[in-house]
Amino acid sequence: MAAEPVSKLSIAQHKELFDRLAPSWDGSLSQETLSRVRHIVAELDIKPASEVLDAGSGTGILLPFLTKAVGSDGRIIEMDISARMLAAARSKGFGDVTHYIQADIACMPLMDKVFDLVICLNAFPHCRHKLKALIEMARVLKKDGRLAICHTMSREAVNNLHHNIGGVMGNDLLPDNSELSQLLTQAGLEIIRFEDKPEFYLVVTRRMS
């Protein structure tokens, strides 16, 4: 029972951190990073009219690629714990197919079995309750819907970056392959693709039932 207040404090600290980073976030993105994002989205082969949840959406760097992929008949939910990150995403004006929700990935105010795809780009290490987050993301997937956990660098590079930044982010790490596989199985997800390369990290899973 004693751990719960610490968890709530940590979530509040992350919210404060990303609110503070929001105004300068897009300015820190290189063309190489955006090229890697474009490649990741292309690899997911998103169908027109898909329902997509961008979990931990930040300032909406996926939006140019997701809106093109789903088309005018699709729907995208941008969800982030930081109100200022969401405000930055909303200001980009990506139209009626895009909606915005402030929420923690581990506790989402969304109905069951809604989405064809949940994509979690550069966000999963920041989840304080990784199993709860995976269970929630699996819950909102349609049967055979996919969850993609992805980064624009390797797992080792992600973990080294967060460790070197330290502070609130110092322990925001991607689990190793064995631990992640166990967590995904517990959440009712099966891995259908796994790649860990210097230029990107991509785990694609499918809801099993």
N, C-alpha and C. Protein backbone atom coordinates (compact mmCIF):
# COMPACT_ATOMS: atom_id res chain seq x y z
N MET A 1 0.82 -1.21 0.00
CA MET A 1 0.00 0.00 0.00
C MET A 1 0.86 1.26 0.00
N ALA A 2 2.04 1.17 0.59
CA ALA A 2 2.88 2.36 0.69
C ALA A 2 3.39 2.84 -0.66
N ALA A 3 3.43 1.91 -1.65
CA ALA A 3 4.01 2.30 -2.94
C ALA A 3 3.09 3.19 -3.76
N GLU A 4 1.78 3.16 -3.51
CA GLU A 4 0.84 3.88 -4.36
C GLU A 4 1.05 5.39 -4.37
N PRO A 5 1.24 6.05 -3.20
CA PRO A 5 1.49 7.50 -3.25
C PRO A 5 2.74 7.86 -4.04
N VAL A 6 3.78 7.00 -3.95
CA VAL A 6 5.00 7.25 -4.72
C VAL A 6 4.68 7.20 -6.20
N SER A 7 3.86 6.22 -6.60
CA SER A 7 3.47 6.09 -8.00
C SER A 7 2.73 7.33 -8.48
N LYS A 8 1.78 7.80 -7.69
CA LYS A 8 1.02 8.98 -8.07
C LYS A 8 1.93 10.20 -8.18
N LEU A 9 2.89 10.31 -7.27
CA LEU A 9 3.84 11.40 -7.32
C LEU A 9 4.65 11.33 -8.61
N SER A 10 5.09 10.12 -8.97
CA SER A 10 5.88 9.95 -10.18
C SER A 10 5.10 10.34 -11.42
N ILE A 11 3.84 9.95 -11.48
CA ILE A 11 2.99 10.32 -12.62
C ILE A 11 2.86 11.84 -12.70
N ALA A 12 2.65 12.48 -11.57
CA ALA A 12 2.54 13.95 -11.55
C ALA A 12 3.84 14.59 -11.99
N GLN A 13 4.97 14.01 -11.60
CA GLN A 13 6.27 14.55 -12.00
C GLN A 13 6.48 14.43 -13.51
N HIS A 14 6.05 13.31 -14.07
CA HIS A 14 6.16 13.13 -15.51
C HIS A 14 5.27 14.13 -16.26
N LYS A 15 4.07 14.32 -15.74
CA LYS A 15 3.17 15.29 -16.37
C LYS A 15 3.80 16.69 -16.35
N GLU A 16 4.35 17.06 -15.23
CA GLU A 16 5.00 18.37 -15.10
C GLU A 16 6.19 18.48 -16.05
N LEU A 17 6.98 17.40 -16.14
CA LEU A 17 8.16 17.40 -17.00
C LEU A 17 7.77 17.62 -18.46
N PHE A 18 6.77 16.86 -18.93
CA PHE A 18 6.41 16.96 -20.34
C PHE A 18 5.63 18.25 -20.65
N ASP A 19 4.91 18.77 -19.69
CA ASP A 19 4.33 20.11 -19.86
C ASP A 19 5.44 21.14 -20.08
N ARG A 20 6.51 21.00 -19.33
CA ARG A 20 7.62 21.95 -19.43
C ARG A 20 8.37 21.80 -20.75
N LEU A 21 8.47 20.57 -21.25
CA LEU A 21 9.22 20.32 -22.48
C LEU A 21 8.42 20.64 -23.75
N ALA A 22 7.10 20.71 -23.62
CA ALA A 22 6.22 20.82 -24.80
C ALA A 22 6.59 21.97 -25.75
N PRO A 23 6.83 23.20 -25.25
CA PRO A 23 7.07 24.31 -26.20
C PRO A 23 8.30 24.12 -27.08
N SER A 24 9.30 23.39 -26.62
CA SER A 24 10.53 23.23 -27.39
C SER A 24 10.65 21.85 -28.03
N TRP A 25 9.64 21.01 -27.86
CA TRP A 25 9.74 19.60 -28.28
C TRP A 25 9.98 19.47 -29.79
N ASP A 26 9.15 20.10 -30.59
CA ASP A 26 9.26 19.94 -32.04
C ASP A 26 10.58 20.49 -32.58
N GLY A 27 11.09 21.53 -31.93
CA GLY A 27 12.35 22.12 -32.37
C GLY A 27 13.54 21.20 -32.19
N SER A 28 13.39 20.19 -31.32
CA SER A 28 14.48 19.26 -31.07
C SER A 28 14.47 18.06 -32.03
N LEU A 29 13.46 18.00 -32.90
CA LEU A 29 13.33 16.85 -33.81
C LEU A 29 14.14 17.08 -35.08
N SER A 30 15.03 16.17 -35.36
CA SER A 30 15.83 16.27 -36.58
C SER A 30 15.09 15.69 -37.77
N GLN A 31 15.54 16.03 -38.97
CA GLN A 31 14.97 15.46 -40.18
C GLN A 31 15.20 13.95 -40.23
N GLU A 32 16.31 13.50 -39.66
CA GLU A 32 16.57 12.06 -39.61
C GLU A 32 15.54 11.35 -38.74
N THR A 33 15.21 11.96 -37.60
CA THR A 33 14.20 11.38 -36.72
C THR A 33 12.85 11.31 -37.42
N LEU A 34 12.46 12.38 -38.09
CA LEU A 34 11.18 12.40 -38.80
C LEU A 34 11.16 11.38 -39.94
N SER A 35 12.29 11.19 -40.58
CA SER A 35 12.40 10.17 -41.63
C SER A 35 12.20 8.78 -41.04
N ARG A 36 12.72 8.55 -39.86
CA ARG A 36 12.54 7.26 -39.20
C ARG A 36 11.09 7.05 -38.78
N VAL A 37 10.43 8.11 -38.33
CA VAL A 37 9.01 8.02 -38.00
C VAL A 37 8.21 7.64 -39.25
N ARG A 38 8.50 8.31 -40.35
CA ARG A 38 7.81 8.01 -41.62
C ARG A 38 8.00 6.54 -41.99
N HIS A 39 9.21 6.04 -41.81
CA HIS A 39 9.51 4.64 -42.15
C HIS A 39 8.72 3.68 -41.25
N ILE A 40 8.67 3.98 -39.96
CA ILE A 40 7.93 3.12 -39.03
C ILE A 40 6.46 3.04 -39.42
N VAL A 41 5.85 4.18 -39.70
CA VAL A 41 4.44 4.20 -40.08
C VAL A 41 4.22 3.41 -41.38
N ALA A 42 5.12 3.57 -42.32
CA ALA A 42 5.01 2.82 -43.58
C ALA A 42 5.10 1.32 -43.33
N GLU A 43 5.96 0.92 -42.41
CA GLU A 43 6.11 -0.50 -42.09
C GLU A 43 4.84 -1.10 -41.48
N LEU A 44 4.02 -0.26 -40.86
CA LEU A 44 2.79 -0.75 -40.21
C LEU A 44 1.66 -1.00 -41.20
N ASP A 45 1.79 -0.50 -42.42
CA ASP A 45 0.80 -0.76 -43.48
C ASP A 45 -0.63 -0.49 -42.99
N ILE A 46 -0.87 0.73 -42.53
CA ILE A 46 -2.17 1.11 -41.98
C ILE A 46 -3.18 1.25 -43.11
N LYS A 47 -4.33 0.62 -42.97
CA LYS A 47 -5.34 0.63 -44.02
C LYS A 47 -6.19 1.90 -43.95
N PRO A 48 -6.67 2.38 -45.11
CA PRO A 48 -7.61 3.50 -45.11
C PRO A 48 -8.83 3.19 -44.25
N ALA A 49 -9.37 4.22 -43.61
CA ALA A 49 -10.55 4.13 -42.73
C ALA A 49 -10.25 3.43 -41.40
N SER A 50 -8.99 3.23 -41.08
CA SER A 50 -8.63 2.61 -39.81
C SER A 50 -8.92 3.55 -38.64
N GLU A 51 -9.19 2.93 -37.49
CA GLU A 51 -9.32 3.65 -36.22
C GLU A 51 -8.00 3.46 -35.47
N VAL A 52 -7.31 4.57 -35.19
CA VAL A 52 -5.96 4.51 -34.63
C VAL A 52 -5.88 5.32 -33.34
N LEU A 53 -5.28 4.74 -32.32
CA LEU A 53 -4.97 5.45 -31.08
C LEU A 53 -3.48 5.70 -31.03
N ASP A 54 -3.11 6.98 -30.93
CA ASP A 54 -1.72 7.40 -30.76
C ASP A 54 -1.51 7.60 -29.26
N ALA A 55 -1.02 6.55 -28.60
CA ALA A 55 -0.93 6.53 -27.13
C ALA A 55 0.40 7.13 -26.68
N GLY A 56 0.32 8.22 -25.93
CA GLY A 56 1.52 8.97 -25.59
C GLY A 56 1.94 9.81 -26.77
N SER A 57 0.98 10.54 -27.32
CA SER A 57 1.12 11.19 -28.62
C SER A 57 2.06 12.38 -28.62
N GLY A 58 2.33 12.96 -27.45
CA GLY A 58 3.18 14.14 -27.41
C GLY A 58 2.60 15.27 -28.24
N THR A 59 3.45 15.93 -29.01
CA THR A 59 3.03 17.07 -29.83
C THR A 59 2.45 16.65 -31.18
N GLY A 60 2.21 15.36 -31.36
CA GLY A 60 1.56 14.91 -32.59
C GLY A 60 2.50 14.73 -33.76
N ILE A 61 3.74 14.26 -33.51
CA ILE A 61 4.67 14.11 -34.63
C ILE A 61 4.23 13.01 -35.59
N LEU A 62 3.35 12.11 -35.13
CA LEU A 62 2.84 11.07 -36.02
C LEU A 62 1.72 11.57 -36.93
N LEU A 63 1.11 12.69 -36.59
CA LEU A 63 -0.12 13.11 -37.28
C LEU A 63 0.02 13.25 -38.80
N PRO A 64 1.08 13.85 -39.33
CA PRO A 64 1.15 13.96 -40.80
C PRO A 64 1.11 12.60 -41.50
N PHE A 65 1.70 11.61 -40.85
CA PHE A 65 1.79 10.28 -41.45
C PHE A 65 0.52 9.46 -41.20
N LEU A 66 -0.06 9.59 -40.00
CA LEU A 66 -1.28 8.84 -39.68
C LEU A 66 -2.48 9.36 -40.47
N THR A 67 -2.62 10.68 -40.57
CA THR A 67 -3.78 11.22 -41.29
C THR A 67 -3.73 10.83 -42.77
N LYS A 68 -2.55 10.80 -43.33
CA LYS A 68 -2.41 10.37 -44.72
C LYS A 68 -2.78 8.90 -44.85
N ALA A 69 -2.39 8.08 -43.87
CA ALA A 69 -2.63 6.64 -43.94
C ALA A 69 -4.12 6.29 -43.78
N VAL A 70 -4.82 6.93 -42.84
CA VAL A 70 -6.21 6.53 -42.57
C VAL A 70 -7.19 7.21 -43.52
N GLY A 71 -6.82 8.37 -44.08
CA GLY A 71 -7.70 9.06 -45.00
C GLY A 71 -8.87 9.73 -44.32
N SER A 72 -9.77 10.26 -45.11
CA SER A 72 -10.90 11.05 -44.58
C SER A 72 -11.94 10.20 -43.86
N ASP A 73 -11.92 8.88 -44.07
CA ASP A 73 -12.90 8.00 -43.42
C ASP A 73 -12.35 7.36 -42.15
N GLY A 74 -11.11 7.65 -41.81
CA GLY A 74 -10.52 7.08 -40.61
C GLY A 74 -10.72 7.96 -39.39
N ARG A 75 -10.15 7.54 -38.28
CA ARG A 75 -10.22 8.34 -37.05
C ARG A 75 -8.94 8.12 -36.26
N ILE A 76 -8.42 9.21 -35.72
CA ILE A 76 -7.20 9.17 -34.91
C ILE A 76 -7.49 9.82 -33.57
N ILE A 77 -7.14 9.13 -32.51
CA ILE A 77 -7.20 9.71 -31.17
C ILE A 77 -5.78 9.99 -30.71
N GLU A 78 -5.51 11.26 -30.45
CA GLU A 78 -4.24 11.67 -29.86
C GLU A 78 -4.43 11.71 -28.34
N MET A 79 -3.66 10.90 -27.63
CA MET A 79 -3.82 10.83 -26.17
C MET A 79 -2.47 10.99 -25.49
N ASP A 80 -2.44 11.90 -24.51
CA ASP A 80 -1.20 12.15 -23.79
C ASP A 80 -1.53 12.59 -22.38
N ILE A 81 -0.59 12.38 -21.48
CA ILE A 81 -0.78 12.81 -20.10
C ILE A 81 -0.59 14.31 -19.93
N SER A 82 0.11 14.93 -20.89
CA SER A 82 0.46 16.35 -20.80
C SER A 82 -0.51 17.21 -21.60
N ALA A 83 -1.19 18.13 -20.91
CA ALA A 83 -2.12 19.03 -21.59
C ALA A 83 -1.40 19.94 -22.58
N ARG A 84 -0.18 20.35 -22.26
CA ARG A 84 0.55 21.26 -23.15
C ARG A 84 1.06 20.53 -24.40
N MET A 85 1.41 19.27 -24.26
CA MET A 85 1.76 18.48 -25.44
C MET A 85 0.54 18.37 -26.37
N LEU A 86 -0.62 18.06 -25.80
CA LEU A 86 -1.84 17.94 -26.59
C LEU A 86 -2.22 19.26 -27.25
N ALA A 87 -2.04 20.35 -26.53
CA ALA A 87 -2.35 21.66 -27.10
C ALA A 87 -1.47 21.93 -28.32
N ALA A 88 -0.21 21.55 -28.24
CA ALA A 88 0.69 21.72 -29.38
C ALA A 88 0.24 20.86 -30.56
N ALA A 89 -0.20 19.63 -30.27
CA ALA A 89 -0.70 18.75 -31.34
C ALA A 89 -1.96 19.33 -31.98
N ARG A 90 -2.88 19.80 -31.15
CA ARG A 90 -4.14 20.36 -31.65
C ARG A 90 -3.90 21.59 -32.52
N SER A 91 -2.90 22.38 -32.17
CA SER A 91 -2.63 23.62 -32.90
C SER A 91 -2.18 23.38 -34.34
N LYS A 92 -1.81 22.15 -34.65
CA LYS A 92 -1.34 21.83 -36.00
C LYS A 92 -2.48 21.68 -37.00
N GLY A 93 -3.71 21.59 -36.50
CA GLY A 93 -4.88 21.65 -37.36
C GLY A 93 -5.02 20.51 -38.35
N PHE A 94 -5.04 19.28 -37.84
CA PHE A 94 -5.14 18.13 -38.72
C PHE A 94 -6.56 17.66 -38.98
N GLY A 95 -7.54 18.49 -38.71
CA GLY A 95 -8.88 18.23 -39.21
C GLY A 95 -9.76 17.36 -38.35
N ASP A 96 -10.93 17.04 -38.91
CA ASP A 96 -11.99 16.38 -38.16
C ASP A 96 -11.72 14.92 -37.85
N VAL A 97 -10.76 14.30 -38.53
CA VAL A 97 -10.49 12.89 -38.24
C VAL A 97 -9.69 12.72 -36.94
N THR A 98 -9.19 13.82 -36.41
CA THR A 98 -8.30 13.76 -35.24
C THR A 98 -8.99 14.32 -34.00
N HIS A 99 -8.88 13.59 -32.89
CA HIS A 99 -9.49 13.99 -31.62
C HIS A 99 -8.42 13.88 -30.53
N TYR A 100 -8.64 14.57 -29.41
CA TYR A 100 -7.60 14.75 -28.40
C TYR A 100 -8.14 14.42 -27.02
N ILE A 101 -7.39 13.58 -26.27
CA ILE A 101 -7.79 13.19 -24.93
C ILE A 101 -6.58 13.26 -24.02
N GLN A 102 -6.73 13.93 -22.87
CA GLN A 102 -5.67 13.92 -21.87
C GLN A 102 -5.92 12.77 -20.91
N ALA A 103 -5.00 11.81 -20.87
CA ALA A 103 -5.17 10.64 -20.00
C ALA A 103 -3.85 9.90 -19.88
N ASP A 104 -3.76 9.11 -18.83
CA ASP A 104 -2.64 8.21 -18.60
C ASP A 104 -2.91 6.91 -19.39
N ILE A 105 -1.90 6.39 -20.07
CA ILE A 105 -2.08 5.15 -20.84
C ILE A 105 -2.58 4.01 -19.97
N ALA A 106 -2.19 4.00 -18.70
CA ALA A 106 -2.58 2.91 -17.80
C ALA A 106 -4.01 3.03 -17.29
N CYS A 107 -4.70 4.10 -17.67
CA CYS A 107 -6.08 4.30 -17.21
C CYS A 107 -6.80 5.17 -18.24
N MET A 108 -7.25 4.54 -19.33
CA MET A 108 -7.78 5.29 -20.46
C MET A 108 -9.31 5.34 -20.46
N PRO A 109 -9.89 6.51 -20.63
CA PRO A 109 -11.36 6.65 -20.65
C PRO A 109 -11.92 6.32 -22.03
N LEU A 110 -11.66 5.09 -22.48
CA LEU A 110 -12.06 4.67 -23.82
C LEU A 110 -12.79 3.33 -23.74
N MET A 111 -13.68 3.10 -24.68
CA MET A 111 -14.45 1.86 -24.71
C MET A 111 -13.59 0.68 -25.17
N ASP A 112 -14.05 -0.52 -24.87
CA ASP A 112 -13.37 -1.74 -25.29
C ASP A 112 -13.47 -1.92 -26.80
N LYS A 113 -12.46 -2.57 -27.37
CA LYS A 113 -12.47 -3.08 -28.75
C LYS A 113 -12.89 -2.02 -29.77
N VAL A 114 -12.18 -0.89 -29.75
CA VAL A 114 -12.50 0.24 -30.63
C VAL A 114 -11.51 0.37 -31.79
N PHE A 115 -10.23 0.07 -31.54
CA PHE A 115 -9.18 0.47 -32.47
C PHE A 115 -8.61 -0.70 -33.28
N ASP A 116 -8.29 -0.39 -34.52
CA ASP A 116 -7.56 -1.33 -35.37
C ASP A 116 -6.09 -1.36 -35.01
N LEU A 117 -5.58 -0.20 -34.57
CA LEU A 117 -4.17 -0.07 -34.24
C LEU A 117 -3.99 0.88 -33.08
N VAL A 118 -3.17 0.48 -32.12
CA VAL A 118 -2.65 1.40 -31.11
C VAL A 118 -1.15 1.51 -31.37
N ILE A 119 -0.68 2.72 -31.51
CA ILE A 119 0.75 2.95 -31.73
C ILE A 119 1.30 3.76 -30.57
N CYS A 120 2.38 3.27 -30.01
CA CYS A 120 2.99 3.89 -28.83
C CYS A 120 4.44 4.23 -29.22
N LEU A 121 4.62 5.44 -29.72
CA LEU A 121 5.92 5.88 -30.23
C LEU A 121 6.67 6.67 -29.16
N ASN A 122 7.85 6.20 -28.82
CA ASN A 122 8.73 6.91 -27.89
C ASN A 122 8.08 7.20 -26.54
N ALA A 123 7.12 6.36 -26.15
CA ALA A 123 6.35 6.65 -24.93
C ALA A 123 6.34 5.51 -23.90
N PHE A 124 6.49 4.28 -24.34
CA PHE A 124 6.29 3.15 -23.42
C PHE A 124 7.22 3.18 -22.20
N PRO A 125 8.49 3.55 -22.34
CA PRO A 125 9.35 3.58 -21.15
C PRO A 125 8.84 4.51 -20.06
N HIS A 126 8.06 5.54 -20.43
CA HIS A 126 7.59 6.52 -19.45
C HIS A 126 6.35 6.04 -18.69
N CYS A 127 5.79 4.90 -19.07
CA CYS A 127 4.63 4.34 -18.34
C CYS A 127 5.09 3.85 -16.98
N ARG A 128 4.47 4.36 -15.95
CA ARG A 128 4.84 3.95 -14.59
C ARG A 128 4.41 2.53 -14.29
N HIS A 129 3.29 2.09 -14.87
CA HIS A 129 2.75 0.74 -14.65
C HIS A 129 2.69 0.06 -16.01
N LYS A 130 3.78 -0.59 -16.40
CA LYS A 130 3.86 -1.10 -17.77
C LYS A 130 2.85 -2.20 -18.05
N LEU A 131 2.62 -3.10 -17.11
CA LEU A 131 1.63 -4.16 -17.34
C LEU A 131 0.23 -3.56 -17.45
N LYS A 132 -0.11 -2.64 -16.56
CA LYS A 132 -1.42 -1.99 -16.64
C LYS A 132 -1.58 -1.26 -17.98
N ALA A 133 -0.52 -0.60 -18.42
CA ALA A 133 -0.58 0.11 -19.70
C ALA A 133 -0.83 -0.85 -20.85
N LEU A 134 -0.14 -1.98 -20.85
CA LEU A 134 -0.33 -2.98 -21.91
C LEU A 134 -1.72 -3.57 -21.88
N ILE A 135 -2.22 -3.86 -20.67
CA ILE A 135 -3.58 -4.39 -20.55
C ILE A 135 -4.60 -3.40 -21.08
N GLU A 136 -4.41 -2.13 -20.78
CA GLU A 136 -5.31 -1.09 -21.26
C GLU A 136 -5.26 -0.96 -22.78
N MET A 137 -4.04 -0.96 -23.33
CA MET A 137 -3.92 -0.83 -24.77
C MET A 137 -4.50 -2.05 -25.49
N ALA A 138 -4.34 -3.24 -24.88
CA ALA A 138 -4.96 -4.44 -25.46
C ALA A 138 -6.48 -4.36 -25.37
N ARG A 139 -6.98 -3.82 -24.28
CA ARG A 139 -8.43 -3.75 -24.06
C ARG A 139 -9.15 -2.96 -25.13
N VAL A 140 -8.52 -1.89 -25.60
CA VAL A 140 -9.19 -1.01 -26.56
C VAL A 140 -9.01 -1.46 -28.01
N LEU A 141 -8.24 -2.53 -28.21
CA LEU A 141 -8.06 -3.07 -29.56
C LEU A 141 -9.22 -3.97 -29.96
N LYS A 142 -9.59 -3.89 -31.22
CA LYS A 142 -10.52 -4.86 -31.78
C LYS A 142 -9.84 -6.23 -31.79
N LYS A 143 -10.64 -7.30 -31.93
CA LYS A 143 -10.05 -8.63 -32.07
C LYS A 143 -9.13 -8.64 -33.28
N ASP A 144 -7.92 -9.14 -33.08
CA ASP A 144 -6.86 -9.14 -34.09
C ASP A 144 -6.31 -7.75 -34.37
N GLY A 145 -6.73 -6.73 -33.59
CA GLY A 145 -6.11 -5.41 -33.70
C GLY A 145 -4.67 -5.47 -33.23
N ARG A 146 -3.89 -4.48 -33.66
CA ARG A 146 -2.45 -4.51 -33.41
C ARG A 146 -2.01 -3.38 -32.48
N LEU A 147 -1.03 -3.69 -31.64
CA LEU A 147 -0.32 -2.69 -30.84
C LEU A 147 1.11 -2.64 -31.34
N ALA A 148 1.58 -1.44 -31.66
CA ALA A 148 2.97 -1.25 -32.07
C ALA A 148 3.68 -0.38 -31.04
N ILE A 149 4.72 -0.93 -30.43
CA ILE A 149 5.60 -0.18 -29.53
C ILE A 149 6.85 0.13 -30.31
N CYS A 150 7.18 1.41 -30.46
CA CYS A 150 8.26 1.76 -31.38
C CYS A 150 9.05 2.98 -30.89
N HIS A 151 10.28 3.03 -31.38
CA HIS A 151 11.20 4.12 -31.07
C HIS A 151 12.04 4.42 -32.29
N THR A 152 12.58 5.62 -32.35
CA THR A 152 13.41 6.02 -33.48
C THR A 152 14.89 5.77 -33.20
N MET A 153 15.16 4.83 -32.33
CA MET A 153 16.52 4.37 -32.03
C MET A 153 16.40 2.98 -31.40
N SER A 154 17.51 2.35 -31.15
CA SER A 154 17.50 1.01 -30.56
C SER A 154 17.11 1.04 -29.09
N ARG A 155 16.77 -0.14 -28.56
CA ARG A 155 16.46 -0.24 -27.13
C ARG A 155 17.64 0.23 -26.28
N GLU A 156 18.83 -0.19 -26.63
CA GLU A 156 20.02 0.21 -25.88
C GLU A 156 20.19 1.72 -25.89
N ALA A 157 19.98 2.33 -27.04
CA ALA A 157 20.14 3.79 -27.15
C ALA A 157 19.07 4.52 -26.34
N VAL A 158 17.83 4.02 -26.38
CA VAL A 158 16.75 4.61 -25.58
C VAL A 158 17.11 4.59 -24.10
N ASN A 159 17.52 3.42 -23.62
CA ASN A 159 17.81 3.28 -22.19
C ASN A 159 19.02 4.11 -21.77
N ASN A 160 20.03 4.16 -22.63
CA ASN A 160 21.21 4.99 -22.32
C ASN A 160 20.84 6.47 -22.27
N LEU A 161 20.00 6.90 -23.21
CA LEU A 161 19.57 8.30 -23.25
C LEU A 161 18.84 8.68 -21.97
N HIS A 162 17.87 7.88 -21.57
CA HIS A 162 17.09 8.20 -20.38
C HIS A 162 17.95 8.13 -19.12
N HIS A 163 18.84 7.15 -19.07
CA HIS A 163 19.74 7.03 -17.91
C HIS A 163 20.64 8.27 -17.80
N ASN A 164 21.13 8.74 -18.94
CA ASN A 164 22.03 9.91 -18.93
C ASN A 164 21.28 11.19 -18.60
N ILE A 165 20.02 11.31 -19.03
CA ILE A 165 19.21 12.47 -18.67
C ILE A 165 18.98 12.49 -17.17
N GLY A 166 18.70 11.31 -16.61
CA GLY A 166 18.54 11.18 -15.16
C GLY A 166 17.27 11.83 -14.64
N GLY A 167 17.26 12.12 -13.35
CA GLY A 167 16.09 12.75 -12.72
C GLY A 167 14.85 11.90 -12.87
N VAL A 168 13.73 12.55 -13.16
CA VAL A 168 12.44 11.86 -13.30
C VAL A 168 12.51 10.79 -14.39
N MET A 169 13.34 11.02 -15.40
CA MET A 169 13.39 10.13 -16.56
C MET A 169 14.45 9.02 -16.42
N GLY A 170 15.22 9.07 -15.37
CA GLY A 170 16.37 8.18 -15.25
C GLY A 170 16.05 6.71 -15.25
N ASN A 171 14.89 6.35 -14.75
CA ASN A 171 14.49 4.94 -14.70
C ASN A 171 13.41 4.59 -15.72
N ASP A 172 13.20 5.44 -16.72
CA ASP A 172 12.21 5.19 -17.77
C ASP A 172 12.87 4.34 -18.86
N LEU A 173 12.82 3.03 -18.67
CA LEU A 173 13.57 2.12 -19.51
C LEU A 173 12.66 1.16 -20.27
N LEU A 174 13.11 0.76 -21.45
CA LEU A 174 12.44 -0.31 -22.19
C LEU A 174 12.85 -1.64 -21.57
N PRO A 175 11.89 -2.52 -21.24
CA PRO A 175 12.25 -3.84 -20.71
C PRO A 175 13.05 -4.64 -21.71
N ASP A 176 13.86 -5.60 -21.21
CA ASP A 176 14.56 -6.47 -22.13
C ASP A 176 13.56 -7.41 -22.81
N ASN A 177 14.02 -8.13 -23.81
CA ASN A 177 13.12 -8.92 -24.64
C ASN A 177 12.33 -9.95 -23.85
N SER A 178 12.98 -10.60 -22.90
CA SER A 178 12.32 -11.63 -22.10
C SER A 178 11.22 -11.03 -21.23
N GLU A 179 11.53 -9.94 -20.54
CA GLU A 179 10.53 -9.31 -19.67
C GLU A 179 9.37 -8.75 -20.48
N LEU A 180 9.68 -8.10 -21.61
CA LEU A 180 8.62 -7.55 -22.44
C LEU A 180 7.72 -8.65 -22.97
N SER A 181 8.29 -9.76 -23.40
CA SER A 181 7.50 -10.88 -23.90
C SER A 181 6.54 -11.40 -22.83
N GLN A 182 7.01 -11.51 -21.61
CA GLN A 182 6.16 -11.95 -20.50
C GLN A 182 5.02 -10.97 -20.24
N LEU A 183 5.34 -9.69 -20.24
CA LEU A 183 4.32 -8.66 -20.01
C LEU A 183 3.26 -8.69 -21.10
N LEU A 184 3.69 -8.83 -22.35
CA LEU A 184 2.75 -8.87 -23.47
C LEU A 184 1.83 -10.08 -23.38
N THR A 185 2.39 -11.22 -23.02
CA THR A 185 1.57 -12.43 -22.87
C THR A 185 0.53 -12.24 -21.77
N GLN A 186 0.94 -11.66 -20.65
CA GLN A 186 0.01 -11.40 -19.55
C GLN A 186 -1.11 -10.45 -19.98
N ALA A 187 -0.81 -9.57 -20.91
CA ALA A 187 -1.81 -8.60 -21.38
C ALA A 187 -2.69 -9.17 -22.50
N GLY A 188 -2.45 -10.41 -22.90
CA GLY A 188 -3.25 -11.02 -23.96
C GLY A 188 -2.82 -10.63 -25.36
N LEU A 189 -1.52 -10.36 -25.52
CA LEU A 189 -0.99 -9.93 -26.81
C LEU A 189 0.10 -10.91 -27.25
N GLU A 190 0.16 -11.16 -28.55
CA GLU A 190 1.22 -12.00 -29.09
C GLU A 190 2.08 -11.19 -30.06
N ILE A 191 3.37 -11.42 -30.01
CA ILE A 191 4.30 -10.71 -30.87
C ILE A 191 4.24 -11.29 -32.28
N ILE A 192 4.05 -10.43 -33.27
CA ILE A 192 4.05 -10.87 -34.66
C ILE A 192 5.23 -10.28 -35.43
N ARG A 193 5.92 -9.32 -34.82
CA ARG A 193 7.12 -8.77 -35.44
C ARG A 193 7.97 -8.11 -34.36
N PHE A 194 9.27 -8.34 -34.44
CA PHE A 194 10.19 -7.71 -33.49
C PHE A 194 11.46 -7.31 -34.22
N GLU A 195 11.82 -6.04 -34.13
CA GLU A 195 13.07 -5.56 -34.71
C GLU A 195 13.71 -4.56 -33.76
N ASP A 196 14.99 -4.73 -33.54
CA ASP A 196 15.75 -3.80 -32.70
C ASP A 196 17.03 -3.46 -33.46
N LYS A 197 17.02 -2.32 -34.14
CA LYS A 197 18.12 -1.89 -34.99
C LYS A 197 18.62 -0.52 -34.52
N PRO A 198 19.81 -0.11 -34.94
CA PRO A 198 20.29 1.22 -34.56
C PRO A 198 19.33 2.33 -34.97
N GLU A 199 18.64 2.16 -36.10
CA GLU A 199 17.78 3.23 -36.62
C GLU A 199 16.34 3.18 -36.10
N PHE A 200 15.89 2.03 -35.60
CA PHE A 200 14.56 1.99 -34.99
C PHE A 200 14.35 0.71 -34.19
N TYR A 201 13.40 0.80 -33.27
CA TYR A 201 12.94 -0.32 -32.45
C TYR A 201 11.46 -0.48 -32.74
N LEU A 202 11.04 -1.69 -33.07
CA LEU A 202 9.64 -1.91 -33.44
C LEU A 202 9.18 -3.28 -32.95
N VAL A 203 8.18 -3.27 -32.09
CA VAL A 203 7.52 -4.50 -31.66
C VAL A 203 6.06 -4.39 -32.06
N VAL A 204 5.60 -5.27 -32.92
CA VAL A 204 4.20 -5.28 -33.34
C VAL A 204 3.55 -6.52 -32.73
N THR A 205 2.43 -6.30 -32.06
CA THR A 205 1.72 -7.39 -31.40
C THR A 205 0.27 -7.40 -31.87
N ARG A 206 -0.39 -8.52 -31.60
CA ARG A 206 -1.79 -8.68 -31.99
C ARG A 206 -2.59 -9.15 -30.78
N ARG A 207 -3.79 -8.58 -30.64
CA ARG A 207 -4.70 -9.04 -29.58
C ARG A 207 -5.16 -10.45 -29.88
N MET A 208 -5.06 -11.33 -28.90
CA MET A 208 -5.31 -12.74 -29.13
C MET A 208 -6.77 -13.15 -29.00
N SER A 209 -7.58 -12.36 -28.30
CA SER A 209 -8.98 -12.77 -28.14
C SER A 209 -9.88 -11.52 -28.02
